[in-house]
N, C-alpha and C. Protein backbone atom coordinates (compact mmCIF):
# COMPACT_ATOMS: atom_id res chain seq x y z
N MET A 1 83.44 107.52 100.76
CA MET A 1 82.91 106.23 100.31
C MET A 1 81.72 106.51 99.84
N ASP A 2 81.27 105.43 98.84
CA ASP A 2 79.95 105.25 98.03
C ASP A 2 78.88 104.48 98.98
N GLY A 3 77.69 104.66 98.48
CA GLY A 3 76.64 104.01 99.50
C GLY A 3 76.95 102.52 99.47
N GLN A 4 77.54 101.89 98.57
CA GLN A 4 78.03 100.55 98.91
C GLN A 4 78.59 100.22 97.65
N THR A 5 79.94 99.45 97.80
CA THR A 5 80.77 98.93 96.56
C THR A 5 81.59 97.68 97.17
N ALA A 6 81.84 96.97 96.31
CA ALA A 6 82.70 95.69 96.44
C ALA A 6 83.96 95.91 95.52
N VAL A 7 85.11 95.60 95.87
CA VAL A 7 86.37 95.60 95.10
C VAL A 7 87.13 94.30 95.22
N VAL A 8 87.47 93.89 94.11
CA VAL A 8 88.46 92.75 94.15
C VAL A 8 90.00 93.49 93.31
N LEU A 9 91.06 93.43 94.45
CA LEU A 9 92.24 93.76 93.68
C LEU A 9 93.13 92.97 93.39
N GLN A 10 93.79 92.61 92.47
CA GLN A 10 94.82 91.52 92.16
C GLN A 10 96.23 92.03 92.08
N TYR A 11 97.08 91.29 92.61
CA TYR A 11 98.20 91.56 92.89
C TYR A 11 99.35 90.48 92.36
N GLU A 12 100.60 90.76 92.33
CA GLU A 12 101.51 89.77 91.84
C GLU A 12 101.49 88.55 92.44
N GLN A 13 101.73 87.38 91.72
CA GLN A 13 101.70 86.06 92.34
C GLN A 13 100.50 85.64 92.96
N GLY A 14 99.34 86.11 92.21
CA GLY A 14 98.11 85.55 92.63
C GLY A 14 97.54 86.37 93.78
N ARG A 15 98.00 87.13 94.41
CA ARG A 15 97.41 87.56 95.75
C ARG A 15 96.38 88.36 95.39
N GLN A 16 95.36 88.67 96.29
CA GLN A 16 94.13 89.33 96.10
C GLN A 16 94.01 90.03 97.40
N ALA A 17 93.12 91.24 97.14
CA ALA A 17 92.53 91.86 98.27
C ALA A 17 91.04 92.07 97.98
N VAL A 18 90.05 91.67 98.87
CA VAL A 18 88.79 91.71 98.69
C VAL A 18 88.10 92.84 99.61
N ILE A 19 87.72 93.54 99.16
CA ILE A 19 86.93 94.81 99.99
C ILE A 19 85.48 95.07 99.62
N ALA A 20 84.69 95.34 100.81
CA ALA A 20 83.23 95.72 100.78
C ALA A 20 83.19 96.87 101.54
N THR A 21 82.43 97.78 101.14
CA THR A 21 82.11 99.11 101.91
C THR A 21 80.64 99.46 101.63
N SER A 22 79.92 99.53 102.84
CA SER A 22 78.53 100.04 102.81
C SER A 22 78.19 101.05 103.71
N MET A 23 77.32 101.93 103.33
CA MET A 23 76.66 102.95 104.28
C MET A 23 75.18 102.48 104.43
N GLU A 24 74.68 101.32 103.52
CA GLU A 24 73.43 100.87 103.53
C GLU A 24 73.38 99.41 104.17
N ALA A 25 74.43 98.86 104.18
CA ALA A 25 74.13 97.49 104.98
C ALA A 25 75.14 97.32 106.33
N TRP A 26 74.66 96.71 107.19
CA TRP A 26 75.45 96.50 108.26
C TRP A 26 76.35 95.63 108.07
N LEU A 27 77.50 95.89 107.84
CA LEU A 27 78.68 94.97 107.92
C LEU A 27 79.43 94.87 108.76
N PRO A 28 80.33 93.56 108.93
CA PRO A 28 80.91 93.33 110.52
C PRO A 28 82.17 94.39 110.76
N ASN A 29 82.56 95.27 109.94
CA ASN A 29 83.70 96.12 110.20
C ASN A 29 85.00 95.45 110.69
N GLN A 30 85.16 94.40 110.21
CA GLN A 30 86.49 93.70 110.58
C GLN A 30 87.37 93.42 109.47
N ALA A 31 88.46 92.74 109.61
CA ALA A 31 89.53 92.57 108.38
C ALA A 31 90.27 91.08 108.86
N SER A 32 90.45 90.40 107.48
CA SER A 32 91.08 89.39 107.77
C SER A 32 92.23 89.23 106.81
N ILE A 33 93.30 88.62 107.15
CA ILE A 33 94.59 88.32 106.49
C ILE A 33 94.87 87.07 106.40
N SER A 34 94.59 86.73 105.15
CA SER A 34 94.71 85.20 105.12
C SER A 34 96.00 84.82 104.14
N GLY A 35 96.82 83.76 104.60
CA GLY A 35 97.90 83.26 103.94
C GLY A 35 97.84 81.77 103.83
N THR A 36 98.91 81.05 103.23
CA THR A 36 98.92 79.76 103.17
C THR A 36 99.16 79.07 104.36
N ASP A 37 99.52 79.53 105.49
CA ASP A 37 99.64 78.64 106.70
C ASP A 37 98.73 79.37 107.89
N ALA A 38 98.38 80.56 107.82
CA ALA A 38 97.61 81.09 108.89
C ALA A 38 96.67 82.14 108.35
N ARG A 39 95.83 82.72 109.23
CA ARG A 39 95.04 83.74 109.16
C ARG A 39 94.87 84.46 110.33
N ILE A 40 94.71 85.96 110.06
CA ILE A 40 94.42 86.77 111.07
C ILE A 40 93.42 87.52 111.05
N ASP A 41 92.51 87.37 112.06
CA ASP A 41 91.29 88.17 112.11
C ASP A 41 91.13 89.08 112.88
N VAL A 42 91.01 90.48 112.43
CA VAL A 42 91.28 91.58 113.22
C VAL A 42 89.70 91.96 113.70
N ASP A 43 89.55 92.17 114.88
CA ASP A 43 87.91 92.28 115.35
C ASP A 43 87.54 93.45 115.03
N PHE A 44 86.21 93.72 115.54
CA PHE A 44 85.34 94.86 115.16
C PHE A 44 86.08 96.24 115.14
N MET A 45 85.80 97.09 114.23
CA MET A 45 86.43 98.16 114.17
C MET A 45 87.89 97.96 113.70
N TRP A 46 88.19 97.57 112.59
CA TRP A 46 89.33 97.28 112.04
C TRP A 46 90.51 98.38 112.22
N PHE A 47 90.02 99.57 112.23
CA PHE A 47 90.84 100.76 111.99
C PHE A 47 91.13 101.45 113.41
N THR A 48 90.62 100.79 114.46
CA THR A 48 91.11 100.88 115.90
C THR A 48 91.14 99.59 116.59
N PRO A 49 92.10 98.52 116.19
CA PRO A 49 91.79 97.29 116.57
C PRO A 49 92.27 97.15 118.19
N LYS A 50 91.30 96.45 118.94
CA LYS A 50 91.72 96.23 120.31
C LYS A 50 92.01 94.79 120.65
N SER A 51 91.99 93.97 119.48
CA SER A 51 92.05 92.54 119.77
C SER A 51 92.09 91.86 118.22
N PHE A 52 92.77 90.70 118.14
CA PHE A 52 92.99 89.88 117.07
C PHE A 52 93.22 88.39 117.14
N THR A 53 92.66 87.57 116.31
CA THR A 53 92.97 86.04 116.46
C THR A 53 93.82 85.58 115.43
N LEU A 54 94.73 84.80 115.81
CA LEU A 54 95.67 84.15 114.90
C LEU A 54 95.56 82.59 114.87
N THR A 55 94.89 82.30 113.90
CA THR A 55 94.52 80.76 113.76
C THR A 55 95.25 80.33 112.44
N GLU A 56 96.12 79.20 112.98
CA GLU A 56 97.13 78.42 112.29
C GLU A 56 96.32 77.44 111.27
N ARG A 57 96.83 76.92 110.32
CA ARG A 57 96.42 75.81 109.50
C ARG A 57 96.26 74.48 110.12
N THR A 58 96.96 74.47 111.31
CA THR A 58 96.91 73.29 112.03
C THR A 58 95.86 73.31 113.02
N GLY A 59 95.04 74.40 113.36
CA GLY A 59 93.92 74.54 114.15
C GLY A 59 94.44 75.34 115.35
N ALA A 60 95.69 75.44 115.53
CA ALA A 60 96.06 76.30 116.89
C ALA A 60 95.59 77.65 116.57
N VAL A 61 95.09 78.16 117.76
CA VAL A 61 94.40 79.57 117.94
C VAL A 61 95.12 80.34 119.19
N GLU A 62 95.34 81.41 118.71
CA GLU A 62 96.13 82.37 119.75
C GLU A 62 95.22 83.73 119.57
N ARG A 63 94.94 84.11 120.80
CA ARG A 63 94.20 85.38 120.73
C ARG A 63 94.96 86.51 121.50
N TYR A 64 94.96 87.76 121.11
CA TYR A 64 95.57 88.75 121.16
C TYR A 64 94.65 90.05 121.65
N ASP A 65 94.73 90.36 122.87
CA ASP A 65 93.89 91.63 123.37
C ASP A 65 95.20 92.75 123.81
N PHE A 66 94.75 93.95 123.58
CA PHE A 66 95.65 95.14 123.87
C PHE A 66 94.57 96.33 124.13
N PRO A 67 95.12 97.30 124.84
CA PRO A 67 94.30 98.49 125.15
C PRO A 67 94.67 99.39 123.76
N VAL A 68 93.54 100.35 123.59
CA VAL A 68 93.83 101.33 122.60
C VAL A 68 93.38 102.48 123.07
N THR A 69 94.04 103.56 122.91
CA THR A 69 93.66 105.06 123.11
C THR A 69 93.02 105.36 121.98
N GLY A 70 91.91 106.34 122.08
CA GLY A 70 91.23 106.93 121.06
C GLY A 70 90.43 106.24 120.16
N ASN A 71 89.67 106.87 119.08
CA ASN A 71 88.58 106.01 118.42
C ASN A 71 89.09 105.80 117.01
N GLY A 72 90.30 105.58 116.78
CA GLY A 72 90.77 105.15 115.40
C GLY A 72 91.72 105.78 114.72
N LEU A 73 92.37 105.48 113.69
CA LEU A 73 93.51 106.16 112.98
C LEU A 73 94.58 106.73 114.11
N ARG A 74 94.77 106.40 115.16
CA ARG A 74 95.61 106.92 116.17
C ARG A 74 97.02 107.06 115.70
N PHE A 75 97.50 105.58 115.13
CA PHE A 75 98.89 105.68 114.71
C PHE A 75 99.19 106.52 113.36
N GLN A 76 98.36 106.68 112.67
CA GLN A 76 98.49 107.63 111.53
C GLN A 76 98.55 109.16 112.04
N THR A 77 97.78 109.37 112.82
CA THR A 77 97.84 110.67 113.39
C THR A 77 99.21 110.84 114.18
N GLU A 78 99.53 109.88 114.89
CA GLU A 78 100.74 109.97 115.81
C GLU A 78 102.14 110.07 114.65
N GLU A 79 101.86 109.45 113.62
CA GLU A 79 103.16 109.50 112.61
C GLU A 79 102.92 110.88 112.08
N VAL A 80 101.93 111.43 111.48
CA VAL A 80 101.93 112.64 111.02
C VAL A 80 102.52 113.84 111.70
N ALA A 81 102.03 113.87 113.36
CA ALA A 81 102.57 114.68 114.18
C ALA A 81 104.29 114.44 114.28
N ARG A 82 104.51 113.31 114.40
CA ARG A 82 106.24 113.03 114.38
C ARG A 82 106.74 113.69 113.12
N CYS A 83 106.30 113.41 111.99
CA CYS A 83 106.87 114.09 110.92
C CYS A 83 106.91 115.48 110.90
N VAL A 84 105.81 115.93 111.37
CA VAL A 84 105.62 117.73 111.50
C VAL A 84 106.83 118.15 112.49
N ARG A 85 106.81 117.46 113.55
CA ARG A 85 107.93 118.08 114.58
C ARG A 85 109.43 117.97 113.93
N GLU A 86 109.64 116.84 113.27
CA GLU A 86 110.93 116.48 112.81
C GLU A 86 111.22 117.21 111.30
N GLY A 87 110.10 118.15 110.79
CA GLY A 87 110.33 118.79 109.73
C GLY A 87 110.25 117.81 108.48
N LEU A 88 109.69 116.68 108.69
CA LEU A 88 109.65 115.84 107.43
C LEU A 88 108.59 116.36 106.30
N LEU A 89 108.84 116.01 105.08
CA LEU A 89 107.79 116.39 104.11
C LEU A 89 106.98 115.26 103.97
N GLU A 90 107.60 113.93 104.24
CA GLU A 90 106.74 112.91 103.93
C GLU A 90 107.17 111.84 105.03
N SER A 91 106.33 111.05 105.21
CA SER A 91 106.57 109.70 106.00
C SER A 91 107.60 108.75 105.59
N PRO A 92 108.48 108.19 106.05
CA PRO A 92 109.40 107.05 105.76
C PRO A 92 108.40 105.72 105.78
N VAL A 93 107.57 105.86 106.88
CA VAL A 93 106.35 104.66 106.86
C VAL A 93 105.74 104.47 105.73
N MET A 94 105.23 105.69 105.46
CA MET A 94 104.04 105.71 104.32
C MET A 94 104.79 107.04 103.28
N PRO A 95 105.31 106.76 102.44
CA PRO A 95 105.96 107.68 101.48
C PRO A 95 104.75 108.12 100.71
N LEU A 96 105.01 109.35 100.15
CA LEU A 96 104.29 110.03 99.32
C LEU A 96 103.93 109.32 98.00
N ASP A 97 104.57 108.75 97.55
CA ASP A 97 104.62 107.72 96.14
C ASP A 97 103.63 106.81 96.58
N GLU A 98 103.52 105.98 97.64
CA GLU A 98 102.53 105.04 98.03
C GLU A 98 101.13 105.44 98.16
N SER A 99 101.31 106.87 98.90
CA SER A 99 99.89 107.41 99.10
C SER A 99 99.24 107.78 97.85
N CYS A 100 100.06 108.20 96.84
CA CYS A 100 99.52 108.57 95.56
C CYS A 100 99.20 107.41 94.67
N GLN A 101 99.82 106.23 94.90
CA GLN A 101 99.41 104.92 94.08
C GLN A 101 98.20 104.44 94.61
N ILE A 102 97.68 104.62 96.05
CA ILE A 102 96.44 104.17 96.78
C ILE A 102 95.22 105.11 96.20
N MET A 103 95.62 106.36 96.15
CA MET A 103 94.64 107.49 95.47
C MET A 103 94.45 106.90 94.21
N GLY A 104 95.24 106.48 93.22
CA GLY A 104 95.16 106.23 91.88
C GLY A 104 94.36 104.88 91.84
N THR A 105 94.49 104.20 92.55
CA THR A 105 93.78 102.80 92.79
C THR A 105 92.29 103.31 93.06
N MET A 106 92.13 104.30 94.17
CA MET A 106 90.58 104.55 94.35
C MET A 106 90.05 105.43 93.09
N ASP A 107 90.83 106.05 92.44
CA ASP A 107 90.48 106.77 91.36
C ASP A 107 89.85 105.84 90.30
N GLU A 108 90.77 104.59 90.09
CA GLU A 108 90.20 103.71 89.11
C GLU A 108 88.94 103.01 89.40
N VAL A 109 88.84 102.64 90.71
CA VAL A 109 87.60 101.84 91.44
C VAL A 109 86.66 102.95 90.88
N ARG A 110 86.48 104.16 91.37
CA ARG A 110 85.37 105.16 91.15
C ARG A 110 85.01 105.03 89.55
N ALA A 111 86.14 105.36 88.60
CA ALA A 111 86.05 105.29 87.46
C ALA A 111 85.01 103.84 86.73
N GLN A 112 85.66 102.99 87.42
CA GLN A 112 84.95 101.78 86.96
C GLN A 112 83.60 101.28 87.43
N ILE A 113 83.26 102.11 88.32
CA ILE A 113 81.85 101.83 89.10
C ILE A 113 80.99 102.95 88.66
N GLY A 114 81.46 104.21 87.72
CA GLY A 114 80.86 105.19 87.20
C GLY A 114 80.46 106.24 88.30
N LEU A 115 81.25 106.39 89.27
CA LEU A 115 81.12 107.30 90.46
C LEU A 115 81.67 108.66 90.06
N ARG A 116 80.94 109.68 89.99
CA ARG A 116 81.47 111.01 89.77
C ARG A 116 80.98 112.12 91.06
N TYR A 117 81.95 112.67 91.47
CA TYR A 117 81.56 113.62 92.58
C TYR A 117 81.02 114.86 91.95
N PRO A 118 79.99 115.92 92.56
CA PRO A 118 79.80 116.97 91.86
C PRO A 118 81.24 117.81 91.58
N GLY A 119 80.96 118.60 90.60
CA GLY A 119 82.35 119.29 90.25
C GLY A 119 83.39 118.73 89.46
N GLU A 120 83.23 117.37 89.35
CA GLU A 120 84.13 116.44 88.74
C GLU A 120 83.92 116.72 87.14
């Protein structure tokens, strides 16, 4: 991650993702998923969620709390371990092509903001 970056990603049918990262500012470290009928707000430390709130357009609110083991990215680690045990070369949950597409997007963001790492 860079010192500070904001990204707007455009998808089909007008969908967007807005991402802000910073090592300079203290951001809320939360995630929100907004749709036409509801919004999900994932609480502090989105990468190791312990709770989230579902708010419907009608104003109805449901809160979900659940225990979490570990300090983050546990599900990804468990999936890697499962794939290794089963001798899989890639995960059916996150195929290699999708990982490569994500890395391509990250490469494009770095190119657009002019970020170059040493040795590039």
